[in-house]
């Protein structure tokens, strides 16, 4: 395929694959995109996830357990159902029970990138994806910032959007029942990938690749069913939409760098005051 045609999607079925890393009390699956890396860990009580010197901020999603997250300057007890932004440098996470923790890094964390099960997918780069350029530093400086997700439900919107300098995370409010297939939202993105992290339920991802003048380049539509946990990374220019096939559908969308369109919508990004947009925006 020519370099200006979308790459195939990344479809990581973690529920049906061996962990990328196996340590005592911890099993971790790692999958990368062009600018972000997702590490989902099944942990036991007392398990610890350590970063000796992470180059930039990363995001922790406490799915179903509480944790203690520490840096040299701060320690927080974080409840289940929370999102925490961890500053650059050394940090550690101690599991307070048995369950699932998700960490989302930018590709500046090169050791995590190299550990990804699909690291070779991007050996030729990702020419359609906008480069990762950090947004301005938080005016109050780096620190642990933690948000209980249930406190940030927006009336009339399923979105709960947070950003760092390099990442944007949308923790969509759960679908209590299967999504209405007559009210889907097919769309595409010109120059960034979308990571769709499924934490519960079964999901159908529908993908339609663009046509070009050369019919030999065309790809068939894809209709992919995936259980949880799993990660689908949708390339730029590919029309896509997703829906849960069972109750309690929980999906998290991941973007890197942060999206300008979401950021320019007043009130949409919950922690916008802590992470200003670039001056040119």
C-alpha atoms as a PDB file:
ATOM      1  CA  UNK A   1       0.000   0.000   0.000  1.00  0.00           C
ATOM      2  CA  UNK A   2       1.196   3.588  -0.628  1.00  0.00           C
ATOM      3  CA  UNK A   3       2.358   5.601   2.402  1.00  0.00           C
ATOM      4  CA  UNK A   4      -0.655   7.929   2.141  1.00  0.00           C
ATOM      5  CA  UNK A   5      -3.161   5.083   2.570  1.00  0.00           C
ATOM      6  CA  UNK A   6      -4.312   4.183   6.118  1.00  0.00           C
ATOM      7  CA  UNK A   7      -2.602   1.401   8.005  1.00  0.00           C
ATOM      8  CA  UNK A   8      -4.736  -1.555   9.089  1.00  0.00           C
ATOM      9  CA  UNK A   9      -6.396  -1.105  12.486  1.00  0.00           C
ATOM     10  CA  UNK A  10      -4.765  -2.506  15.603  1.00  0.00           C
ATOM     11  CA  UNK A  11      -7.132  -5.022  17.233  1.00  0.00           C
ATOM     12  CA  UNK A  12      -5.764  -6.233  20.580  1.00  0.00           C
ATOM     13  CA  UNK A  13      -7.903  -8.969  22.124  1.00  0.00           C
ATOM     14  CA  UNK A  14      -6.303  -9.041  25.553  1.00  0.00           C
ATOM     15  CA  UNK A  15      -9.043 -11.290  26.935  1.00  0.00           C
ATOM     16  CA  UNK A  16      -7.879 -14.027  24.554  1.00  0.00           C
ATOM     17  CA  UNK A  17      -4.092 -13.575  24.526  1.00  0.00           C
ATOM     18  CA  UNK A  18      -1.151 -14.175  26.820  1.00  0.00           C
ATOM     19  CA  UNK A  19       0.110 -11.206  28.824  1.00  0.00           C
ATOM     20  CA  UNK A  20       2.951  -9.162  27.383  1.00  0.00           C
ATOM     21  CA  UNK A  21       4.656  -9.154  30.785  1.00  0.00           C
ATOM     22  CA  UNK A  22       4.159 -11.632  33.630  1.00  0.00           C
ATOM     23  CA  UNK A  23       5.480 -10.833  37.100  1.00  0.00           C
ATOM     24  CA  UNK A  24       4.583 -12.210  40.543  1.00  0.00           C
ATOM     25  CA  UNK A  25       1.032 -11.066  41.265  1.00  0.00           C
ATOM     26  CA  UNK A  26       0.772  -9.044  38.053  1.00  0.00           C
ATOM     27  CA  UNK A  27      -0.079  -9.758  34.408  1.00  0.00           C
ATOM     28  CA  UNK A  28       0.205  -6.855  31.941  1.00  0.00           C
ATOM     29  CA  UNK A  29      -0.917  -6.494  28.327  1.00  0.00           C
ATOM     30  CA  UNK A  30       0.745  -3.665  26.352  1.00  0.00           C
ATOM     31  CA  UNK A  31      -0.345  -2.318  22.958  1.00  0.00           C
ATOM     32  CA  UNK A  32       0.887   0.812  21.206  1.00  0.00           C
ATOM     33  CA  UNK A  33      -0.443   3.343  18.754  1.00  0.00           C
ATOM     34  CA  UNK A  34       1.556   5.933  16.826  1.00  0.00           C
ATOM     35  CA  UNK A  35       1.741   8.373  19.758  1.00  0.00           C
ATOM     36  CA  UNK A  36       0.376   6.470  22.781  1.00  0.00           C
ATOM     37  CA  UNK A  37       0.816   3.151  24.587  1.00  0.00           C
ATOM     38  CA  UNK A  38      -1.763   1.381  26.754  1.00  0.00           C
ATOM     39  CA  UNK A  39      -0.786  -1.049  29.526  1.00  0.00           C
ATOM     40  CA  UNK A  40      -3.605  -2.957  31.229  1.00  0.00           C
ATOM     41  CA  UNK A  41      -2.581  -4.866  34.353  1.00  0.00           C
ATOM     42  CA  UNK A  42      -4.419  -7.533  36.321  1.00  0.00           C
ATOM     43  CA  UNK A  43      -3.002  -7.122  39.810  1.00  0.00           C
ATOM     44  CA  UNK A  44      -3.278  -8.764  43.207  1.00  0.00           C
ATOM     45  CA  UNK A  45      -3.477  -6.983  46.539  1.00  0.00           C
ATOM     46  CA  UNK A  46      -0.040  -5.588  47.367  1.00  0.00           C
ATOM     47  CA  UNK A  47       1.217  -5.673  43.771  1.00  0.00           C
ATOM     48  CA  UNK A  48       3.293  -2.654  42.815  1.00  0.00           C
ATOM     49  CA  UNK A  49       3.752  -0.964  39.428  1.00  0.00           C
ATOM     50  CA  UNK A  50       6.868   1.201  39.380  1.00  0.00           C
ATOM     51  CA  UNK A  51       8.206   3.815  36.970  1.00  0.00           C
ATOM     52  CA  UNK A  52      11.797   4.780  37.753  1.00  0.00           C
ATOM     53  CA  UNK A  53      11.929   7.905  35.592  1.00  0.00           C
ATOM     54  CA  UNK A  54       9.005   8.395  33.237  1.00  0.00           C
ATOM     55  CA  UNK A  55       9.859  11.174  30.748  1.00  0.00           C
ATOM     56  CA  UNK A  56       6.449  12.883  30.817  1.00  0.00           C
ATOM     57  CA  UNK A  57       3.042  12.568  32.461  1.00  0.00           C
ATOM     58  CA  UNK A  58       1.001   9.399  32.226  1.00  0.00           C
ATOM     59  CA  UNK A  59      -2.592   8.576  33.121  1.00  0.00           C
ATOM     60  CA  UNK A  60      -3.840   5.880  35.512  1.00  0.00           C
ATOM     61  CA  UNK A  61      -7.384   4.524  35.378  1.00  0.00           C
ATOM     62  CA  UNK A  62      -8.366   2.722  38.569  1.00  0.00           C
ATOM     63  CA  UNK A  63     -11.006   0.421  37.165  1.00  0.00           C
ATOM     64  CA  UNK A  64     -12.323  -1.660  40.053  1.00  0.00           C
ATOM     65  CA  UNK A  65      -9.791  -1.316  42.890  1.00  0.00           C
ATOM     66  CA  UNK A  66      -8.283   1.364  45.077  1.00  0.00           C
ATOM     67  CA  UNK A  67      -4.560   2.122  44.853  1.00  0.00           C
ATOM     68  CA  UNK A  68      -1.910   4.204  46.552  1.00  0.00           C
ATOM     69  CA  UNK A  69      -0.037   6.320  44.004  1.00  0.00           C
ATOM     70  CA  UNK A  70       3.227   7.916  45.108  1.00  0.00           C
ATOM     71  CA  UNK A  71       5.890  10.252  43.745  1.00  0.00           C
ATOM     72  CA  UNK A  72       8.911  11.634  45.651  1.00  0.00           C
ATOM     73  CA  UNK A  73       6.757  14.649  46.586  1.00  0.00           C
ATOM     74  CA  UNK A  74       3.202  13.303  47.006  1.00  0.00           C
ATOM     75  CA  UNK A  75       1.191  10.260  47.973  1.00  0.00           C
ATOM     76  CA  UNK A  76      -2.516   9.835  47.213  1.00  0.00           C
ATOM     77  CA  UNK A  77      -4.980   7.125  48.166  1.00  0.00           C
ATOM     78  CA  UNK A  78      -7.021   6.754  44.982  1.00  0.00           C
ATOM     79  CA  UNK A  79     -10.482   5.186  44.928  1.00  0.00           C
ATOM     80  CA  UNK A  80     -11.769   2.715  42.392  1.00  0.00           C
ATOM     81  CA  UNK A  81     -13.396   4.475  39.455  1.00  0.00           C
ATOM     82  CA  UNK A  82     -10.839   7.294  39.317  1.00  0.00           C
ATOM     83  CA  UNK A  83      -8.525   8.881  36.758  1.00  0.00           C
ATOM     84  CA  UNK A  84      -5.144  10.135  37.967  1.00  0.00           C
ATOM     85  CA  UNK A  85      -2.496  12.126  36.118  1.00  0.00           C
ATOM     86  CA  UNK A  86       1.007  11.186  37.278  1.00  0.00           C
ATOM     87  CA  UNK A  87       3.839  13.725  36.805  1.00  0.00           C
ATOM     88  CA  UNK A  88       7.157  13.018  35.088  1.00  0.00           C
ATOM     89  CA  UNK A  89       9.889  11.268  37.018  1.00  0.00           C
ATOM     90  CA  UNK A  90       9.693   8.457  39.552  1.00  0.00           C
ATOM     91  CA  UNK A  91       6.330   7.053  40.647  1.00  0.00           C
ATOM     92  CA  UNK A  92       4.791   3.904  42.023  1.00  0.00           C
ATOM     93  CA  UNK A  93       1.327   2.395  42.284  1.00  0.00           C
ATOM     94  CA  UNK A  94       0.390  -0.035  45.072  1.00  0.00           C
ATOM     95  CA  UNK A  95      -2.749  -2.139  44.553  1.00  0.00           C
ATOM     96  CA  UNK A  96      -5.097  -2.189  47.562  1.00  0.00           C
ATOM     97  CA  UNK A  97      -6.984  -5.197  46.222  1.00  0.00           C
ATOM     98  CA  UNK A  98      -7.304  -7.590  43.318  1.00  0.00           C
ATOM     99  CA  UNK A  99      -8.496  -6.103  40.052  1.00  0.00           C
ATOM    100  CA  UNK A 100      -7.563  -4.074  36.985  1.00  0.00           C
ATOM    101  CA  UNK A 101      -5.439  -0.964  36.543  1.00  0.00           C
ATOM    102  CA  UNK A 102      -4.838   0.799  33.213  1.00  0.00           C
ATOM    103  CA  UNK A 103      -1.864   3.056  32.525  1.00  0.00           C
ATOM    104  CA  UNK A 104      -1.743   5.225  29.395  1.00  0.00           C
ATOM    105  CA  UNK A 105       1.611   6.623  28.272  1.00  0.00           C
ATOM    106  CA  UNK A 106       2.808   8.738  25.404  1.00  0.00           C
ATOM    107  CA  UNK A 107       5.386   7.153  23.135  1.00  0.00           C
ATOM    108  CA  UNK A 108       8.029   9.231  24.908  1.00  0.00           C
ATOM    109  CA  UNK A 109       8.069   6.269  27.323  1.00  0.00           C
ATOM    110  CA  UNK A 110      10.279   4.328  24.939  1.00  0.00           C
ATOM    111  CA  UNK A 111      10.736   1.301  27.197  1.00  0.00           C
ATOM    112  CA  UNK A 112       6.972   0.741  27.281  1.00  0.00           C
ATOM    113  CA  UNK A 113       6.811   1.229  23.503  1.00  0.00           C
ATOM    114  CA  UNK A 114       9.496  -1.403  22.977  1.00  0.00           C
ATOM    115  CA  UNK A 115       7.665  -3.838  25.259  1.00  0.00           C
ATOM    116  CA  UNK A 116       4.390  -3.557  23.320  1.00  0.00           C
ATOM    117  CA  UNK A 117       3.208  -6.761  21.685  1.00  0.00           C
ATOM    118  CA  UNK A 118       2.712  -4.866  18.412  1.00  0.00           C
ATOM    119  CA  UNK A 119       5.846  -2.705  18.538  1.00  0.00           C
ATOM    120  CA  UNK A 120       6.777  -3.715  14.980  1.00  0.00           C
ATOM    121  CA  UNK A 121       3.485  -2.370  13.576  1.00  0.00           C
ATOM    122  CA  UNK A 122       4.975   1.122  13.525  1.00  0.00           C
ATOM    123  CA  UNK A 123       8.467   0.242  12.308  1.00  0.00           C
ATOM    124  CA  UNK A 124       7.859   2.396   9.211  1.00  0.00           C
ATOM    125  CA  UNK A 125       6.229   5.204  11.192  1.00  0.00           C
ATOM    126  CA  UNK A 126       2.687   6.484  10.783  1.00  0.00           C
ATOM    127  CA  UNK A 127       2.803   9.176   8.080  1.00  0.00           C
ATOM    128  CA  UNK A 128      -0.889  10.108   8.334  1.00  0.00           C
ATOM    129  CA  UNK A 129      -0.750  10.760  12.091  1.00  0.00           C
ATOM    130  CA  UNK A 130      -0.001  14.234  13.419  1.00  0.00           C
ATOM    131  CA  UNK A 131       3.364  14.253  15.276  1.00  0.00           C
ATOM    132  CA  UNK A 132       3.378  14.256  19.060  1.00  0.00           C
ATOM    133  CA  UNK A 133       4.147  17.828  20.171  1.00  0.00           C
ATOM    134  CA  UNK A 134       3.663  18.636  23.847  1.00  0.00           C
ATOM    135  CA  UNK A 135       1.168  21.319  24.846  1.00  0.00           C
ATOM    136  CA  UNK A 136       2.121  23.997  27.437  1.00  0.00           C
ATOM    137  CA  UNK A 137       3.086  23.000  30.965  1.00  0.00           C
ATOM    138  CA  UNK A 138       0.399  23.223  33.660  1.00  0.00           C
ATOM    139  CA  UNK A 139       0.596  26.721  35.218  1.00  0.00           C
ATOM    140  CA  UNK A 140       0.621  25.302  38.751  1.00  0.00           C
ATOM    141  CA  UNK A 141       3.408  22.878  37.928  1.00  0.00           C
ATOM    142  CA  UNK A 142       3.433  19.097  37.801  1.00  0.00           C
ATOM    143  CA  UNK A 143       1.754  17.115  40.576  1.00  0.00           C
ATOM    144  CA  UNK A 144      -0.560  14.185  41.104  1.00  0.00           C
ATOM    145  CA  UNK A 145      -4.035  15.169  39.945  1.00  0.00           C
ATOM    146  CA  UNK A 146      -6.830  12.708  40.685  1.00  0.00           C
ATOM    147  CA  UNK A 147     -10.505  12.787  39.692  1.00  0.00           C
ATOM    148  CA  UNK A 148     -13.336  10.537  40.865  1.00  0.00           C
ATOM    149  CA  UNK A 149     -15.162   9.840  37.615  1.00  0.00           C
ATOM    150  CA  UNK A 150     -18.626   9.686  39.183  1.00  0.00           C
ATOM    151  CA  UNK A 151     -18.182  13.336  40.230  1.00  0.00           C
ATOM    152  CA  UNK A 152     -17.799  14.460  36.617  1.00  0.00           C
ATOM    153  CA  UNK A 153     -20.942  13.311  34.837  1.00  0.00           C
ATOM    154  CA  UNK A 154     -22.152  16.022  32.449  1.00  0.00           C
ATOM    155  CA  UNK A 155     -25.910  16.254  32.047  1.00  0.00           C
ATOM    156  CA  UNK A 156     -26.893  15.442  28.461  1.00  0.00           C
ATOM    157  CA  UNK A 157     -23.416  14.279  27.412  1.00  0.00           C
ATOM    158  CA  UNK A 158     -21.726  10.868  27.663  1.00  0.00           C
ATOM    159  CA  UNK A 159     -18.266  12.468  27.572  1.00  0.00           C
ATOM    160  CA  UNK A 160     -15.848  12.866  30.482  1.00  0.00           C
ATOM    161  CA  UNK A 161     -12.734  14.339  28.880  1.00  0.00           C
ATOM    162  CA  UNK A 162      -9.390  14.972  30.563  1.00  0.00           C
ATOM    163  CA  UNK A 163      -6.098  16.034  29.038  1.00  0.00           C
ATOM    164  CA  UNK A 164      -2.414  16.227  29.827  1.00  0.00           C
ATOM    165  CA  UNK A 165       0.300  17.887  27.771  1.00  0.00           C
ATOM    166  CA  UNK A 166       0.435  14.867  25.436  1.00  0.00           C
ATOM    167  CA  UNK A 167      -2.740  12.837  25.974  1.00  0.00           C
ATOM    168  CA  UNK A 168      -6.508  13.223  25.884  1.00  0.00           C
ATOM    169  CA  UNK A 169      -8.717  10.633  27.567  1.00  0.00           C
ATOM    170  CA  UNK A 170     -12.498  10.416  27.197  1.00  0.00           C
ATOM    171  CA  UNK A 171     -13.970   8.065  29.826  1.00  0.00           C
ATOM    172  CA  UNK A 172     -17.407   7.615  28.314  1.00  0.00           C
ATOM    173  CA  UNK A 173     -20.250   7.107  30.778  1.00  0.00           C
ATOM    174  CA  UNK A 174     -21.364   3.458  30.682  1.00  0.00           C
ATOM    175  CA  UNK A 175     -24.161   2.264  28.422  1.00  0.00           C
ATOM    176  CA  UNK A 176     -26.565   0.469  30.771  1.00  0.00           C
ATOM    177  CA  UNK A 177     -28.126  -1.348  27.809  1.00  0.00           C
ATOM    178  CA  UNK A 178     -26.917  -2.147  24.271  1.00  0.00           C
ATOM    179  CA  UNK A 179     -26.463   0.987  22.190  1.00  0.00           C
ATOM    180  CA  UNK A 180     -29.282   1.807  19.787  1.00  0.00           C
ATOM    181  CA  UNK A 181     -28.039   0.685  16.363  1.00  0.00           C
ATOM    182  CA  UNK A 182     -30.336   3.258  14.722  1.00  0.00           C
ATOM    183  CA  UNK A 183     -28.430   6.093  16.459  1.00  0.00           C
ATOM    184  CA  UNK A 184     -24.754   5.361  15.789  1.00  0.00           C
ATOM    185  CA  UNK A 185     -22.137   8.008  14.974  1.00  0.00           C
ATOM    186  CA  UNK A 186     -19.954   7.038  11.994  1.00  0.00           C
ATOM    187  CA  UNK A 187     -17.125   9.548  11.500  1.00  0.00           C
ATOM    188  CA  UNK A 188     -13.439   9.777  10.646  1.00  0.00           C
ATOM    189  CA  UNK A 189     -10.397  11.789  11.759  1.00  0.00           C
ATOM    190  CA  UNK A 190      -8.060  13.422   9.269  1.00  0.00           C
ATOM    191  CA  UNK A 191      -4.744  13.203  11.100  1.00  0.00           C
ATOM    192  CA  UNK A 192      -4.984  11.278  14.358  1.00  0.00           C
ATOM    193  CA  UNK A 193      -5.703   7.795  15.623  1.00  0.00           C
ATOM    194  CA  UNK A 194      -8.468   6.888  18.029  1.00  0.00           C
ATOM    195  CA  UNK A 195      -7.814   4.241  20.633  1.00  0.00           C
ATOM    196  CA  UNK A 196     -11.014   2.604  21.899  1.00  0.00           C
ATOM    197  CA  UNK A 197     -10.354   0.713  25.125  1.00  0.00           C
ATOM    198  CA  UNK A 198     -13.184  -1.654  26.071  1.00  0.00           C
ATOM    199  CA  UNK A 199     -13.333  -2.393  29.807  1.00  0.00           C
ATOM    200  CA  UNK A 200     -16.590  -4.338  29.906  1.00  0.00           C
ATOM    201  CA  UNK A 201     -19.239  -5.836  27.593  1.00  0.00           C
ATOM    202  CA  UNK A 202     -18.888  -7.092  24.019  1.00  0.00           C
ATOM    203  CA  UNK A 203     -18.292  -4.490  21.320  1.00  0.00           C
ATOM    204  CA  UNK A 204     -18.770  -4.270  17.583  1.00  0.00           C
ATOM    205  CA  UNK A 205     -16.381  -1.937  15.759  1.00  0.00           C
ATOM    206  CA  UNK A 206     -17.326  -1.006  12.189  1.00  0.00           C
ATOM    207  CA  UNK A 207     -14.574   0.308   9.891  1.00  0.00           C
ATOM    208  CA  UNK A 208     -14.778   1.633   6.325  1.00  0.00           C
ATOM    209  CA  UNK A 209     -11.596   2.493   4.452  1.00  0.00           C
ATOM    210  CA  UNK A 210     -11.437   5.342   1.917  1.00  0.00           C
ATOM    211  CA  UNK A 211     -11.608   4.709  -1.794  1.00  0.00           C
ATOM    212  CA  UNK A 212      -8.812   5.951  -4.021  1.00  0.00           C
ATOM    213  CA  UNK A 213      -8.607   6.243  -7.824  1.00  0.00           C
ATOM    214  CA  UNK A 214      -6.762   2.911  -7.808  1.00  0.00           C
ATOM    215  CA  UNK A 215      -9.357   0.245  -7.018  1.00  0.00           C
ATOM    216  CA  UNK A 216      -6.576  -2.265  -6.323  1.00  0.00           C
ATOM    217  CA  UNK A 217      -5.816  -0.347  -3.110  1.00  0.00           C
ATOM    218  CA  UNK A 218      -9.335  -0.638  -1.702  1.00  0.00           C
ATOM    219  CA  UNK A 219     -10.024  -2.623   1.452  1.00  0.00           C
ATOM    220  CA  UNK A 220     -13.272  -4.295   2.375  1.00  0.00           C
ATOM    221  CA  UNK A 221     -15.313  -2.892   5.244  1.00  0.00           C
ATOM    222  CA  UNK A 222     -14.532  -4.529   8.585  1.00  0.00           C
ATOM    223  CA  UNK A 223     -17.133  -5.443  11.202  1.00  0.00           C
ATOM    224  CA  UNK A 224     -15.187  -6.678  14.200  1.00  0.00           C
ATOM    225  CA  UNK A 225     -16.654  -8.153  17.384  1.00  0.00           C
ATOM    226  CA  UNK A 226     -14.430  -7.951  20.474  1.00  0.00           C
ATOM    227  CA  UNK A 227     -14.952  -8.832  24.118  1.00  0.00           C
ATOM    228  CA  UNK A 228     -13.325  -7.045  27.056  1.00  0.00           C
ATOM    229  CA  UNK A 229     -10.714  -6.071  27.920  1.00  0.00           C
ATOM    230  CA  UNK A 230      -9.551  -5.120  24.454  1.00  0.00           C
ATOM    231  CA  UNK A 231      -8.165  -2.201  22.491  1.00  0.00           C
ATOM    232  CA  UNK A 232      -9.031  -1.115  18.950  1.00  0.00           C
ATOM    233  CA  UNK A 233      -6.824   1.580  17.386  1.00  0.00           C
ATOM    234  CA  UNK A 234      -8.493   3.177  14.384  1.00  0.00           C
ATOM    235  CA  UNK A 235      -6.227   4.862  11.801  1.00  0.00           C
ATOM    236  CA  UNK A 236      -6.797   8.349  10.374  1.00  0.00           C
ATOM    237  CA  UNK A 237      -9.232   8.683   7.453  1.00  0.00           C
ATOM    238  CA  UNK A 238     -11.093   5.469   8.341  1.00  0.00           C
ATOM    239  CA  UNK A 239     -14.830   5.908   8.928  1.00  0.00           C
ATOM    240  CA  UNK A 240     -15.734   4.157  12.165  1.00  0.00           C
ATOM    241  CA  UNK A 241     -18.370   3.691  14.830  1.00  0.00           C
ATOM    242  CA  UNK A 242     -18.806   1.268  17.724  1.00  0.00           C
ATOM    243  CA  UNK A 243     -21.612  -0.153  19.828  1.00  0.00           C
ATOM    244  CA  UNK A 244     -21.894  -2.470  22.805  1.00  0.00           C
ATOM    245  CA  UNK A 245     -23.838  -5.680  22.305  1.00  0.00           C
ATOM    246  CA  UNK A 246     -24.572  -6.284  25.992  1.00  0.00           C
ATOM    247  CA  UNK A 247     -25.279  -4.285  29.139  1.00  0.00           C
ATOM    248  CA  UNK A 248     -22.775  -2.150  31.082  1.00  0.00           C
ATOM    249  CA  UNK A 249     -20.744  -1.128  28.074  1.00  0.00           C
ATOM    250  CA  UNK A 250     -17.678   0.784  29.243  1.00  0.00           C
ATOM    251  CA  UNK A 251     -15.413   2.369  26.653  1.00  0.00           C
ATOM    252  CA  UNK A 252     -12.497   4.805  26.951  1.00  0.00           C
ATOM    253  CA  UNK A 253     -11.305   6.810  23.942  1.00  0.00           C
ATOM    254  CA  UNK A 254      -7.635   7.797  23.755  1.00  0.00           C
ATOM    255  CA  UNK A 255      -5.994  10.487  21.618  1.00  0.00           C
ATOM    256  CA  UNK A 256      -2.441  11.838  21.358  1.00  0.00           C
ATOM    257  CA  UNK A 257      -1.756  14.699  21.109  1.00  0.00           C
ATOM    258  CA  UNK A 258      -4.900  16.282  22.638  1.00  0.00           C
ATOM    259  CA  UNK A 259      -7.693  17.112  20.215  1.00  0.00           C
ATOM    260  CA  UNK A 260      -8.106  20.793  19.369  1.00  0.00           C
ATOM    261  CA  UNK A 261     -11.769  20.438  18.384  1.00  0.00           C
ATOM    262  CA  UNK A 262     -12.733  19.055  21.794  1.00  0.00           C
ATOM    263  CA  UNK A 263     -10.446  21.526  23.550  1.00  0.00           C
ATOM    264  CA  UNK A 264     -12.052  24.522  21.848  1.00  0.00           C
ATOM    265  CA  UNK A 265     -15.541  23.548  23.041  1.00  0.00           C
ATOM    266  CA  UNK A 266     -16.172  25.519  26.253  1.00  0.00           C
ATOM    267  CA  UNK A 267     -16.611  23.313  29.302  1.00  0.00           C
ATOM    268  CA  UNK A 268     -15.990  20.032  27.508  1.00  0.00           C
ATOM    269  CA  UNK A 269     -12.525  19.285  28.915  1.00  0.00           C
ATOM    270  CA  UNK A 270     -12.936  18.843  32.674  1.00  0.00           C
ATOM    271  CA  UNK A 271      -9.400  19.858  33.656  1.00  0.00           C
ATOM    272  CA  UNK A 272      -8.860  22.503  30.961  1.00  0.00           C
ATOM    273  CA  UNK A 273      -7.840  25.115  33.544  1.00  0.00           C
ATOM    274  CA  UNK A 274      -4.833  23.004  34.523  1.00  0.00           C
ATOM    275  CA  UNK A 275      -3.671  22.346  30.952  1.00  0.00           C
ATOM    276  CA  UNK A 276      -3.792  25.384  28.653  1.00  0.00           C
ATOM    277  CA  UNK A 277      -4.000  25.084  24.893  1.00  0.00           C
ATOM    278  CA  UNK A 278      -1.085  26.134  22.667  1.00  0.00           C
ATOM    279  CA  UNK A 279      -1.006  29.850  21.868  1.00  0.00           C
ATOM    280  CA  UNK A 280      -1.587  29.190  18.177  1.00  0.00           C
ATOM    281  CA  UNK A 281      -4.895  27.418  19.013  1.00  0.00           C
END
